[in-house]
Amino acid sequence: MRKFSLISLVVLAGCVSTTEAPVSQQPKPAAAIVPTDAQVSRFKSVVANVEPVAERICRNKNSKLNCDFRIVIDDRPDQEPNAYQTQDKTGRPILAFNRAMIAKARNSDELAFVMGHEAAHHIENHLAIQQTNAIAGMILLGGLAALTGAGSGGVEAAADLGASVGARSYSKSNELEADALGTVIAKRAGYDPVKGAAFFSQIADPGNRFLGTHPPNAQRIETVKRVNDSL
């Protein structure tokens, strides 16, 4: 069942955004970006085609997962274009597109690919992996700081660093994995994932930075082409 509404969410995974800067450092747009009625209608059409495919692949791949996707419009104002995957309190997977993202997508193929990518993060259980890695990193560095005689402030800082490093430790491989499965989802829903992956041309290339959360754009596009050619 589809519902489009404002949402307030805390735990996120695998965002597709036009910037990687922390939220506190992201420049706010001069004016709210509002999609046209035609762009919202296009988004809803893509949802109608992609959602059942994503749910079917989810159930076939992991029958233990909650595969009842809820795809929503995050209509909070003054946001940079963004799409992300999270879960509600019951564990139901949520795919959220903000209004700026809906307006920025140049065609249905881009919307479908991004939607498939975010659904893939849930299907591949990346949110749980991210949370597990964060806890492991927090315990490891916090414990090492305590063993070396650091004060409470030092232990807390080390634990925070460990959580951050742990959460990012597999993020690049997770993104490529989501790109690959997202390609399958978009293709089976009737869209061109290679054309959809052209959305990366609108994203600043993160290169291969240490602890960067996304792999280089060229590597992502090559992954999409390779998987698409195999289908």
C-alpha atoms as a PDB file:
ATOM      1  CA  MET A   1       0.000   0.000   0.000  1.00  0.00           C
ATOM      2  CA  ARG A   2       1.499   3.356  -1.031  1.00  0.00           C
ATOM      3  CA  LYS A   3       1.366   6.505   1.056  1.00  0.00           C
ATOM      4  CA  PHE A   4       3.030   9.849   0.339  1.00  0.00           C
ATOM      5  CA  SER A   5       3.608  12.052   3.347  1.00  0.00           C
ATOM      6  CA  LEU A   6       5.973  14.030   5.546  1.00  0.00           C
ATOM      7  CA  ILE A   7       8.197  11.791   7.662  1.00  0.00           C
ATOM      8  CA  SER A   8      10.594  12.328  10.541  1.00  0.00           C
ATOM      9  CA  LEU A   9      13.262   9.636  10.657  1.00  0.00           C
ATOM     10  CA  VAL A  10      16.478   9.090  12.612  1.00  0.00           C
ATOM     11  CA  VAL A  11      18.253   5.899  11.485  1.00  0.00           C
ATOM     12  CA  LEU A  12      19.239   6.131   7.831  1.00  0.00           C
ATOM     13  CA  ALA A  13      21.227   4.013   5.420  1.00  0.00           C
ATOM     14  CA  GLY A  14      22.541   4.396   1.930  1.00  0.00           C
ATOM     15  CA  CYS A  15      21.444   7.858   0.937  1.00  0.00           C
ATOM     16  CA  VAL A  16      21.771   9.043  -2.632  1.00  0.00           C
ATOM     17  CA  SER A  17      22.523  12.717  -2.291  1.00  0.00           C
ATOM     18  CA  THR A  18      24.049  15.522  -4.294  1.00  0.00           C
ATOM     19  CA  THR A  19      26.527  16.229  -1.497  1.00  0.00           C
ATOM     20  CA  GLU A  20      28.423  14.267   1.132  1.00  0.00           C
ATOM     21  CA  ALA A  21      29.044  17.153   3.513  1.00  0.00           C
ATOM     22  CA  PRO A  22      27.664  16.767   7.063  1.00  0.00           C
ATOM     23  CA  VAL A  23      24.150  18.113   7.445  1.00  0.00           C
ATOM     24  CA  SER A  24      25.437  20.986   9.603  1.00  0.00           C
ATOM     25  CA  GLN A  25      27.797  22.054   6.789  1.00  0.00           C
ATOM     26  CA  GLN A  26      25.463  21.627   3.849  1.00  0.00           C
ATOM     27  CA  PRO A  27      24.500  24.901   2.185  1.00  0.00           C
ATOM     28  CA  LYS A  28      20.805  25.555   2.252  1.00  0.00           C
ATOM     29  CA  PRO A  29      19.193  26.343  -1.074  1.00  0.00           C
ATOM     30  CA  ALA A  30      18.148  29.935  -1.564  1.00  0.00           C
ATOM     31  CA  ALA A  31      14.559  28.855  -2.028  1.00  0.00           C
ATOM     32  CA  ALA A  32      12.632  25.645  -1.488  1.00  0.00           C
ATOM     33  CA  ILE A  33      12.768  23.335  -4.502  1.00  0.00           C
ATOM     34  CA  VAL A  34       9.231  22.200  -5.242  1.00  0.00           C
ATOM     35  CA  PRO A  35       8.477  19.620  -7.938  1.00  0.00           C
ATOM     36  CA  THR A  36       5.808  20.357 -10.481  1.00  0.00           C
ATOM     37  CA  ASP A  37       2.558  18.407 -10.578  1.00  0.00           C
ATOM     38  CA  ALA A  38       3.907  16.551 -13.609  1.00  0.00           C
ATOM     39  CA  GLN A  39       7.073  15.559 -11.732  1.00  0.00           C
ATOM     40  CA  VAL A  40       5.066  14.284  -8.753  1.00  0.00           C
ATOM     41  CA  SER A  41       2.826  12.333 -11.135  1.00  0.00           C
ATOM     42  CA  ARG A  42       5.921  10.827 -12.770  1.00  0.00           C
ATOM     43  CA  PHE A  43       7.266   9.843  -9.349  1.00  0.00           C
ATOM     44  CA  LYS A  44       4.015   8.114  -8.423  1.00  0.00           C
ATOM     45  CA  SER A  45       4.038   6.227 -11.719  1.00  0.00           C
ATOM     46  CA  VAL A  46       7.570   4.981 -11.031  1.00  0.00           C
ATOM     47  CA  VAL A  47       6.535   3.915  -7.525  1.00  0.00           C
ATOM     48  CA  ALA A  48       3.649   1.908  -8.961  1.00  0.00           C
ATOM     49  CA  ASN A  49       6.032   0.039 -11.273  1.00  0.00           C
ATOM     50  CA  VAL A  50       9.096  -0.380  -9.050  1.00  0.00           C
ATOM     51  CA  GLU A  51       7.498  -1.197  -5.688  1.00  0.00           C
ATOM     52  CA  PRO A  52       5.998  -4.605  -6.611  1.00  0.00           C
ATOM     53  CA  VAL A  53       9.223  -5.662  -8.329  1.00  0.00           C
ATOM     54  CA  ALA A  54      11.323  -4.663  -5.312  1.00  0.00           C
ATOM     55  CA  GLU A  55       8.957  -6.505  -2.958  1.00  0.00           C
ATOM     56  CA  ARG A  56       9.012  -9.642  -5.094  1.00  0.00           C
ATOM     57  CA  ILE A  57      12.817  -9.678  -5.284  1.00  0.00           C
ATOM     58  CA  CYS A  58      12.994  -8.995  -1.552  1.00  0.00           C
ATOM     59  CA  ARG A  59      10.783 -11.960  -0.705  1.00  0.00           C
ATOM     60  CA  ASN A  60      12.645 -14.268  -3.075  1.00  0.00           C
ATOM     61  CA  LYS A  61      16.030 -13.252  -1.730  1.00  0.00           C
ATOM     62  CA  ASN A  62      15.296 -13.153   1.994  1.00  0.00           C
ATOM     63  CA  SER A  63      11.958 -14.501   3.188  1.00  0.00           C
ATOM     64  CA  LYS A  64      12.703 -13.400   6.769  1.00  0.00           C
ATOM     65  CA  LEU A  65      12.791  -9.707   5.890  1.00  0.00           C
ATOM     66  CA  ASN A  66       9.822  -7.372   6.065  1.00  0.00           C
ATOM     67  CA  CYS A  67       9.349  -6.665   2.351  1.00  0.00           C
ATOM     68  CA  ASP A  68       6.304  -4.418   2.618  1.00  0.00           C
ATOM     69  CA  PHE A  69       7.983  -1.256   1.319  1.00  0.00           C
ATOM     70  CA  ARG A  70       6.469   2.115   2.134  1.00  0.00           C
ATOM     71  CA  ILE A  71       7.599   4.750  -0.348  1.00  0.00           C
ATOM     72  CA  VAL A  72       7.058   8.326   0.801  1.00  0.00           C
ATOM     73  CA  ILE A  73       7.753  11.937  -0.050  1.00  0.00           C
ATOM     74  CA  ASP A  74       9.753  13.730   2.626  1.00  0.00           C
ATOM     75  CA  ASP A  75       8.307  17.220   2.264  1.00  0.00           C
ATOM     76  CA  ARG A  76      10.399  19.040   4.835  1.00  0.00           C
ATOM     77  CA  PRO A  77      11.398  22.394   3.287  1.00  0.00           C
ATOM     78  CA  ASP A  78      14.853  23.706   2.320  1.00  0.00           C
ATOM     79  CA  GLN A  79      16.591  20.364   1.820  1.00  0.00           C
ATOM     80  CA  GLU A  80      19.255  19.388  -0.675  1.00  0.00           C
ATOM     81  CA  PRO A  81      18.098  16.672  -3.132  1.00  0.00           C
ATOM     82  CA  ASN A  82      18.220  13.350  -1.319  1.00  0.00           C
ATOM     83  CA  ALA A  83      16.769   9.836  -1.187  1.00  0.00           C
ATOM     84  CA  TYR A  84      17.346   7.343   1.605  1.00  0.00           C
ATOM     85  CA  GLN A  85      16.265   4.059   3.153  1.00  0.00           C
ATOM     86  CA  THR A  86      15.260   3.521   6.765  1.00  0.00           C
ATOM     87  CA  GLN A  87      12.759   1.577   8.883  1.00  0.00           C
ATOM     88  CA  ASP A  88       9.863   2.576  11.089  1.00  0.00           C
ATOM     89  CA  LYS A  89       9.426   1.356  14.660  1.00  0.00           C
ATOM     90  CA  THR A  90       7.816  -1.870  13.489  1.00  0.00           C
ATOM     91  CA  GLY A  91      10.694  -2.690  11.147  1.00  0.00           C
ATOM     92  CA  ARG A  92       8.786  -1.824   7.984  1.00  0.00           C
ATOM     93  CA  PRO A  93      11.188  -0.590   5.284  1.00  0.00           C
ATOM     94  CA  ILE A  94      10.749   2.992   4.159  1.00  0.00           C
ATOM     95  CA  LEU A  95      12.132   4.545   0.991  1.00  0.00           C
ATOM     96  CA  ALA A  96      12.035   8.334   1.144  1.00  0.00           C
ATOM     97  CA  PHE A  97      12.508  10.893  -1.611  1.00  0.00           C
ATOM     98  CA  ASN A  98      12.471  14.560  -0.716  1.00  0.00           C
ATOM     99  CA  ARG A  99      10.804  17.092  -2.964  1.00  0.00           C
ATOM    100  CA  ALA A 100      14.093  18.465  -4.273  1.00  0.00           C
ATOM    101  CA  MET A 101      15.146  14.973  -5.359  1.00  0.00           C
ATOM    102  CA  ILE A 102      11.900  14.436  -7.246  1.00  0.00           C
ATOM    103  CA  ALA A 103      12.407  17.768  -8.988  1.00  0.00           C
ATOM    104  CA  LYS A 104      16.068  17.099  -9.794  1.00  0.00           C
ATOM    105  CA  ALA A 105      15.555  13.694 -11.451  1.00  0.00           C
ATOM    106  CA  ARG A 106      15.569  14.282 -15.198  1.00  0.00           C
ATOM    107  CA  ASN A 107      13.491  11.271 -16.196  1.00  0.00           C
ATOM    108  CA  SER A 108      11.700   8.157 -14.963  1.00  0.00           C
ATOM    109  CA  ASP A 109      14.810   6.006 -15.456  1.00  0.00           C
ATOM    110  CA  GLU A 110      16.763   8.045 -12.908  1.00  0.00           C
ATOM    111  CA  LEU A 111      13.939   7.870 -10.386  1.00  0.00           C
ATOM    112  CA  ALA A 112      13.578   4.112 -10.915  1.00  0.00           C
ATOM    113  CA  PHE A 113      17.289   3.435 -10.540  1.00  0.00           C
ATOM    114  CA  VAL A 114      17.576   5.477  -7.341  1.00  0.00           C
ATOM    115  CA  MET A 115      14.441   3.790  -5.981  1.00  0.00           C
ATOM    116  CA  GLY A 116      15.852   0.364  -6.807  1.00  0.00           C
ATOM    117  CA  HIS A 117      19.160   1.308  -5.206  1.00  0.00           C
ATOM    118  CA  GLU A 118      17.501   2.332  -1.941  1.00  0.00           C
ATOM    119  CA  ALA A 119      15.303  -0.784  -1.921  1.00  0.00           C
ATOM    120  CA  ALA A 120      18.438  -2.870  -2.447  1.00  0.00           C
ATOM    121  CA  HIS A 121      19.984  -1.480   0.736  1.00  0.00           C
ATOM    122  CA  HIS A 122      17.100  -3.005   2.679  1.00  0.00           C
ATOM    123  CA  ILE A 123      17.093  -6.275   0.751  1.00  0.00           C
ATOM    124  CA  GLU A 124      20.836  -6.686   1.344  1.00  0.00           C
ATOM    125  CA  ASN A 125      20.323  -5.866   5.050  1.00  0.00           C
ATOM    126  CA  HIS A 126      22.843  -3.014   4.950  1.00  0.00           C
ATOM    127  CA  LEU A 127      21.247  -1.049   7.779  1.00  0.00           C
ATOM    128  CA  ALA A 128      21.776  -3.930  10.215  1.00  0.00           C
ATOM    129  CA  ILE A 129      25.355  -4.396   8.976  1.00  0.00           C
ATOM    130  CA  GLN A 130      26.042  -0.703   9.467  1.00  0.00           C
ATOM    131  CA  GLN A 131      24.659  -0.738  12.995  1.00  0.00           C
ATOM    132  CA  THR A 132      26.633  -3.874  13.925  1.00  0.00           C
ATOM    133  CA  ASN A 133      29.873  -2.395  12.596  1.00  0.00           C
ATOM    134  CA  ALA A 134      29.254   0.837  14.482  1.00  0.00           C
ATOM    135  CA  ILE A 135      28.783  -1.018  17.785  1.00  0.00           C
ATOM    136  CA  ALA A 136      31.875  -3.151  17.190  1.00  0.00           C
ATOM    137  CA  GLY A 137      33.993  -0.092  16.400  1.00  0.00           C
ATOM    138  CA  MET A 138      32.711   1.737  19.448  1.00  0.00           C
ATOM    139  CA  ILE A 139      33.551  -1.172  21.773  1.00  0.00           C
ATOM    140  CA  LEU A 140      36.974  -1.746  20.207  1.00  0.00           C
ATOM    141  CA  LEU A 141      38.349   1.801  20.282  1.00  0.00           C
ATOM    142  CA  GLY A 142      36.599   2.684  23.521  1.00  0.00           C
ATOM    143  CA  GLY A 143      38.050  -0.418  25.154  1.00  0.00           C
ATOM    144  CA  LEU A 144      41.546   0.316  23.856  1.00  0.00           C
ATOM    145  CA  ALA A 145      41.349   3.860  25.201  1.00  0.00           C
ATOM    146  CA  ALA A 146      40.303   2.559  28.614  1.00  0.00           C
ATOM    147  CA  LEU A 147      43.155   0.031  28.660  1.00  0.00           C
ATOM    148  CA  THR A 148      45.695   2.762  27.945  1.00  0.00           C
ATOM    149  CA  GLY A 149      44.472   4.780  30.905  1.00  0.00           C
ATOM    150  CA  ALA A 150      42.448   7.442  29.113  1.00  0.00           C
ATOM    151  CA  GLY A 151      40.011   9.448  31.179  1.00  0.00           C
ATOM    152  CA  SER A 152      36.267   9.272  30.703  1.00  0.00           C
ATOM    153  CA  GLY A 153      36.378  12.044  28.117  1.00  0.00           C
ATOM    154  CA  GLY A 154      39.078  10.240  26.126  1.00  0.00           C
ATOM    155  CA  VAL A 155      37.216   6.935  26.257  1.00  0.00           C
ATOM    156  CA  GLU A 156      34.026   8.609  25.081  1.00  0.00           C
ATOM    157  CA  ALA A 157      35.827  10.352  22.207  1.00  0.00           C
ATOM    158  CA  ALA A 158      37.505   7.089  21.180  1.00  0.00           C
ATOM    159  CA  ALA A 159      34.182   5.246  21.309  1.00  0.00           C
ATOM    160  CA  ASP A 160      32.561   7.909  19.126  1.00  0.00           C
ATOM    161  CA  LEU A 161      35.403   7.638  16.609  1.00  0.00           C
ATOM    162  CA  GLY A 162      35.168   3.857  16.632  1.00  0.00           C
ATOM    163  CA  ALA A 163      31.436   3.990  15.973  1.00  0.00           C
ATOM    164  CA  SER A 164      31.978   6.350  13.052  1.00  0.00           C
ATOM    165  CA  VAL A 165      34.756   4.234  11.532  1.00  0.00           C
ATOM    166  CA  GLY A 166      32.777   1.046  12.082  1.00  0.00           C
ATOM    167  CA  ALA A 167      29.652   2.405  10.433  1.00  0.00           C
ATOM    168  CA  ARG A 168      31.674   3.394   7.359  1.00  0.00           C
ATOM    169  CA  SER A 169      33.872   0.304   7.153  1.00  0.00           C
ATOM    170  CA  TYR A 170      31.758  -1.449   4.542  1.00  0.00           C
ATOM    171  CA  SER A 171      29.834   1.510   3.162  1.00  0.00           C
ATOM    172  CA  LYS A 172      31.589   1.649  -0.220  1.00  0.00           C
ATOM    173  CA  SER A 173      31.090  -2.047  -0.905  1.00  0.00           C
ATOM    174  CA  ASN A 174      27.500  -1.732   0.294  1.00  0.00           C
ATOM    175  CA  GLU A 175      26.867   1.093  -2.155  1.00  0.00           C
ATOM    176  CA  LEU A 176      28.225  -0.962  -5.057  1.00  0.00           C
ATOM    177  CA  GLU A 177      26.143  -3.935  -3.958  1.00  0.00           C
ATOM    178  CA  ALA A 178      23.049  -1.719  -3.868  1.00  0.00           C
ATOM    179  CA  ASP A 179      23.928  -0.335  -7.302  1.00  0.00           C
ATOM    180  CA  ALA A 180      24.109  -3.875  -8.673  1.00  0.00           C
ATOM    181  CA  LEU A 181      20.796  -5.059  -7.218  1.00  0.00           C
ATOM    182  CA  GLY A 182      19.204  -1.687  -7.937  1.00  0.00           C
ATOM    183  CA  THR A 183      20.101  -2.249 -11.585  1.00  0.00           C
ATOM    184  CA  VAL A 184      18.206  -5.542 -11.549  1.00  0.00           C
ATOM    185  CA  ILE A 185      15.168  -3.984  -9.878  1.00  0.00           C
ATOM    186  CA  ALA A 186      14.990  -1.056 -12.295  1.00  0.00           C
ATOM    187  CA  LYS A 187      15.471  -3.306 -15.321  1.00  0.00           C
ATOM    188  CA  ARG A 188      12.751  -5.750 -14.265  1.00  0.00           C
ATOM    189  CA  ALA A 189      10.414  -2.826 -13.606  1.00  0.00           C
ATOM    190  CA  GLY A 190      10.778  -1.796 -17.247  1.00  0.00           C
ATOM    191  CA  TYR A 191      13.349   1.006 -16.969  1.00  0.00           C
ATOM    192  CA  ASP A 192      16.838   1.586 -18.383  1.00  0.00           C
ATOM    193  CA  PRO A 193      19.262   1.399 -15.402  1.00  0.00           C
ATOM    194  CA  VAL A 194      22.222   2.665 -17.444  1.00  0.00           C
ATOM    195  CA  LYS A 195      20.254   5.759 -18.364  1.00  0.00           C
ATOM    196  CA  GLY A 196      19.137   5.939 -14.742  1.00  0.00           C
ATOM    197  CA  ALA A 197      22.711   5.776 -13.449  1.00  0.00           C
ATOM    198  CA  ALA A 198      23.426   8.936 -15.441  1.00  0.00           C
ATOM    199  CA  PHE A 199      22.066  10.607 -12.313  1.00  0.00           C
ATOM    200  CA  PHE A 200      25.595  10.222 -10.936  1.00  0.00           C
ATOM    201  CA  SER A 201      26.665  12.960 -13.353  1.00  0.00           C
ATOM    202  CA  GLN A 202      24.746  15.353 -11.113  1.00  0.00           C
ATOM    203  CA  ILE A 203      26.621  14.233  -7.984  1.00  0.00           C
ATOM    204  CA  ALA A 204      30.053  15.545  -7.018  1.00  0.00           C
ATOM    205  CA  ASP A 205      32.497  12.658  -7.468  1.00  0.00           C
ATOM    206  CA  PRO A 206      33.773  11.577  -4.020  1.00  0.00           C
ATOM    207  CA  GLY A 207      36.806   9.895  -5.604  1.00  0.00           C
ATOM    208  CA  ASN A 208      38.215   7.231  -3.327  1.00  0.00           C
ATOM    209  CA  ARG A 209      38.620   9.190  -0.114  1.00  0.00           C
ATOM    210  CA  PHE A 210      39.544   7.472   3.128  1.00  0.00           C
ATOM    211  CA  LEU A 211      36.337   6.793   5.060  1.00  0.00           C
ATOM    212  CA  GLY A 212      34.277   8.219   2.222  1.00  0.00           C
ATOM    213  CA  THR A 213      30.784   6.779   2.263  1.00  0.00           C
ATOM    214  CA  HIS A 214      30.464   6.404  -1.506  1.00  0.00           C
ATOM    215  CA  PRO A 215      32.771   4.878  -4.133  1.00  0.00           C
ATOM    216  CA  PRO A 216      33.952   6.852  -7.189  1.00  0.00           C
ATOM    217  CA  ASN A 217      31.143   7.615  -9.640  1.00  0.00           C
ATOM    218  CA  ALA A 218      32.989   5.913 -12.504  1.00  0.00           C
ATOM    219  CA  GLN A 219      33.155   2.676 -10.510  1.00  0.00           C
ATOM    220  CA  ARG A 220      29.429   2.877  -9.792  1.00  0.00           C
ATOM    221  CA  ILE A 221      28.519   3.474 -13.423  1.00  0.00           C
ATOM    222  CA  GLU A 222      30.758   0.595 -14.514  1.00  0.00           C
ATOM    223  CA  THR A 223      28.994  -1.681 -12.011  1.00  0.00           C
ATOM    224  CA  VAL A 224      25.602  -0.727 -13.442  1.00  0.00           C
ATOM    225  CA  LYS A 225      26.742  -1.326 -17.033  1.00  0.00           C
ATOM    226  CA  ARG A 226      28.278  -4.695 -16.165  1.00  0.00           C
ATOM    227  CA  VAL A 227      25.166  -5.958 -14.376  1.00  0.00           C
ATOM    228  CA  ASN A 228      22.837  -4.583 -17.035  1.00  0.00           C
ATOM    229  CA  ASP A 229      24.792  -6.349 -19.785  1.00  0.00           C
ATOM    230  CA  SER A 230      24.438  -9.637 -17.911  1.00  0.00           C
ATOM    231  CA  LEU A 231      20.637  -9.427 -17.681  1.00  0.00           C
END
